[in-house]
Protein backbone atom coordinates (compact mmCIF):
# COMPACT_ATOMS: atom_id res chain seq x y z
CA ALA A 1 23.37 2.73 36.63
CA HIS A 2 20.32 1.49 34.30
CA GLU A 3 16.81 2.31 34.66
CA ILE A 4 14.29 -0.47 35.14
CA ALA A 5 10.58 -0.47 34.86
CA ALA A 6 8.97 0.18 38.31
CA ILE A 7 6.71 -3.19 38.30
CA SER A 8 5.18 -4.33 41.55
CA GLU A 9 7.60 -7.76 41.74
CA LEU A 10 10.46 -5.61 41.96
CA LYS A 11 9.19 -3.64 45.08
CA ASP A 12 9.78 -6.48 47.44
CA SER A 13 13.38 -7.04 46.32
CA LEU A 14 14.72 -3.61 45.65
CA LEU A 15 13.97 0.08 46.92
CA LEU A 16 13.30 2.14 43.83
CA THR A 17 14.13 5.74 43.57
CA VAL A 18 11.57 8.43 42.26
CA PRO A 19 10.89 7.80 38.66
CA ILE A 20 13.50 9.31 36.29
CA MET A 21 11.42 8.97 33.14
CA LEU A 22 8.31 7.31 31.59
CA SER A 23 8.52 4.92 28.80
CA LYS A 24 6.66 1.51 27.33
CA SER A 25 7.49 -1.49 25.71
CA ILE A 26 7.04 -1.62 22.00
CA LEU A 27 7.29 -4.21 19.17
CA VAL A 28 10.08 -3.99 16.90
CA GLN A 29 9.48 -5.56 13.33
CA ARG A 30 10.46 -5.11 9.82
CA LYS A 31 8.37 -2.78 7.81
CA PRO A 32 6.39 -4.39 5.23
CA SER A 33 8.10 -4.85 1.63
CA GLU A 34 6.99 -5.92 -1.78
CA LYS A 35 9.08 -9.26 -1.41
CA ASP A 36 7.78 -10.05 2.47
CA SER A 37 4.77 -11.59 3.44
CA LEU A 38 2.20 -8.93 4.78
CA SER A 39 0.99 -11.67 7.03
CA SER A 40 4.22 -11.28 8.87
CA TYR A 41 3.55 -7.66 9.85
CA ILE A 42 1.89 -7.37 13.23
CA GLU A 43 -1.07 -4.44 12.68
CA SER A 44 -2.64 -5.30 16.09
CA LEU A 45 -1.83 -7.04 19.27
CA LEU A 46 -4.42 -9.78 18.28
CA ASP A 47 -1.93 -10.89 15.34
CA LEU A 48 0.78 -12.24 18.13
CA GLY A 49 -0.93 -15.26 18.48
CA GLY A 50 1.50 -18.07 17.42
CA LYS A 51 4.46 -15.85 17.12
CA THR A 52 7.82 -15.98 18.39
CA ILE A 53 8.85 -12.69 20.35
CA HIS A 54 12.28 -11.85 21.57
CA LEU A 55 13.26 -10.28 24.48
CA VAL A 56 16.08 -9.51 26.84
CA LYS A 57 16.48 -12.03 29.59
CA GLY A 58 14.66 -10.40 32.72
CA SER A 59 12.75 -8.17 30.87
CA PRO A 60 9.57 -6.91 32.58
CA SER A 61 7.80 -7.06 29.39
CA VAL A 62 7.61 -10.79 29.76
CA MET A 63 4.86 -10.63 32.23
CA ARG A 64 3.23 -8.18 30.25
CA ILE A 65 3.29 -10.63 26.98
CA ARG A 66 1.95 -13.27 29.22
CA ASN A 67 -1.02 -11.26 30.22
CA LEU A 68 -1.54 -10.68 26.51
CA GLU A 69 -1.53 -14.10 25.85
CA ASN A 70 -4.71 -14.63 28.32
CA GLU A 71 -6.20 -11.64 26.77
CA ILE A 72 -6.29 -12.90 23.34
CA GLY A 73 -6.67 -16.26 23.89
CA ASP A 74 -3.66 -17.84 22.09
CA THR A 75 -0.06 -18.52 22.72
CA ILE A 76 2.62 -16.13 22.18
CA HIS A 77 6.02 -17.94 22.23
CA ILE A 78 8.56 -15.93 24.05
CA LYS A 79 12.47 -16.28 23.81
CA GLU A 80 14.39 -14.41 26.46
CA ILE A 81 17.85 -13.89 24.97
CA GLU A 82 20.62 -13.60 27.91
CA LYS A 83 23.68 -12.73 25.62
CA TYR A 84 22.29 -9.78 23.59
CA GLY A 85 20.82 -6.34 24.77
CA GLN A 86 17.81 -4.50 23.15
CA GLU A 87 20.13 -2.88 20.58
CA GLN A 88 21.39 -6.00 19.30
CA LEU A 89 17.80 -7.67 19.13
CA MET A 90 16.89 -4.67 16.98
CA ALA A 91 19.81 -5.16 14.57
CA MET A 92 18.64 -8.78 14.59
CA VAL A 93 15.19 -7.81 13.33
CA ALA A 94 16.95 -5.49 10.82
CA HIS A 95 18.82 -8.28 9.40
CA SER A 96 16.18 -10.73 9.32
CA ASP A 97 17.79 -12.99 12.11
CA ILE A 98 14.68 -12.87 14.21
CA ASP A 99 11.07 -11.51 13.29
CA TYR A 100 10.16 -9.85 16.47
CA ALA A 101 11.48 -8.13 19.40
CA VAL A 102 10.28 -6.07 22.38
CA CYS A 103 12.28 -3.15 23.22
CA ASP A 104 11.99 0.08 25.39
CA GLU A 105 10.57 2.76 23.48
CA HIS A 106 13.31 5.35 24.09
CA ILE A 107 16.06 3.06 22.92
CA ALA A 108 13.81 1.92 19.99
CA ARG A 109 13.61 5.67 18.87
CA VAL A 110 17.11 6.39 19.35
CA LEU A 111 18.10 3.54 16.93
CA ALA A 112 15.35 4.04 14.19
CA ASP A 113 17.11 6.53 12.37
CA SER A 114 19.95 4.09 11.56
CA LEU A 115 17.81 1.14 11.15
CA PRO A 116 15.02 2.63 8.84
CA ASN A 117 13.74 -0.62 7.73
CA LEU A 118 12.17 -1.38 11.35
CA SER A 119 8.69 -0.30 12.25
CA ILE A 120 8.23 0.70 16.08
CA ASP A 121 4.83 1.69 16.04
CA THR A 122 3.14 -1.02 17.83
CA GLU A 123 2.96 -0.41 21.69
CA ILE A 124 3.08 -3.62 23.84
CA SER A 125 2.53 -2.18 27.13
CA PHE A 126 1.10 0.79 28.87
CA THR A 127 3.25 3.89 29.81
CA GLN A 128 5.36 2.81 32.91
CA PHE A 129 7.65 4.69 35.32
CA TYR A 130 11.28 3.74 35.32
CA SER A 131 13.41 4.16 38.20
CA TRP A 132 16.88 3.25 39.77
CA GLY A 133 16.87 0.31 41.95
CA VAL A 134 19.06 -0.11 45.19
CA ASN A 135 19.52 -2.80 47.69
CA ASN A 136 16.15 -2.93 49.75
CA GLN A 137 18.54 -2.23 52.99
CA SER A 138 20.16 0.71 51.56
CA LEU A 139 17.91 3.22 53.03
CA VAL A 140 20.20 5.91 53.28
CA LEU A 141 21.61 5.42 49.50
CA ALA A 142 18.13 5.31 48.14
CA ASP A 143 17.07 8.68 50.12
CA SER A 144 20.23 10.30 49.00
CA LEU A 145 19.67 9.31 45.29
CA ASN A 146 15.96 10.57 45.64
CA ASN A 147 17.11 13.81 47.11
CA TRP A 148 19.58 14.01 44.19
CA LEU A 149 17.38 13.04 41.57
CA ILE A 150 14.41 15.59 42.61
CA LYS A 151 17.00 18.43 42.47
CA ALA A 152 18.61 17.23 39.28
CA ARG A 153 15.46 16.63 37.22
CA LYS A 154 14.31 20.36 37.83
CA SER A 155 17.84 21.70 36.27
CA SER A 156 18.19 23.03 32.61
CA TYR A 157 21.08 20.69 32.18
CA TYR A 158 18.88 17.58 32.96
CA LYS A 159 16.20 18.96 30.61
CA GLN A 160 18.76 19.63 27.81
CA ILE A 161 20.27 16.00 28.12
CA TYR A 162 16.61 14.36 28.21
CA ARG A 163 15.61 16.15 24.88
CA LYS A 164 18.96 15.40 23.36
CA TYR A 165 18.97 11.67 24.12
CA LEU A 166 15.25 10.40 24.95
CA LYS A 167 12.69 12.80 23.42
CA LYS A 168 13.04 11.40 20.07
CA GLU A 169 9.51 11.98 18.25
């Protein structure tokens, strides 16, 4: 199972469980160094105009970036990558294969310690609920998952796992 952002487009095709966590999309870029051009470092979302952003294919962040294009009045080039996950995109930024990627904040925070040349400080989206999704015909499964999740989230074991793997701040 993998959590997905609970966005309105998915609600027509999937039954979403109760939220399992909150997260947001963030911009992953290299920290500026003396040899790099400071003009490539994004300090404000307004600086994204004309830049190329890499995302995992099917990411809900594509819609957010399209909206951001309208908000800033400039084109943001989006490359959806099918064969790599967010972790690989972060490694590609770290190794200067690409300049920018958009990743889930939790994944970025977990990997940030092992990729110290990356900046993960620029938020792209608002905080979103993340849920599991099941076939929209599977009402019994969705109900069972919801009951289990509600109970599991109250347990000390769940809180311990959440703090260990997702609460990197």
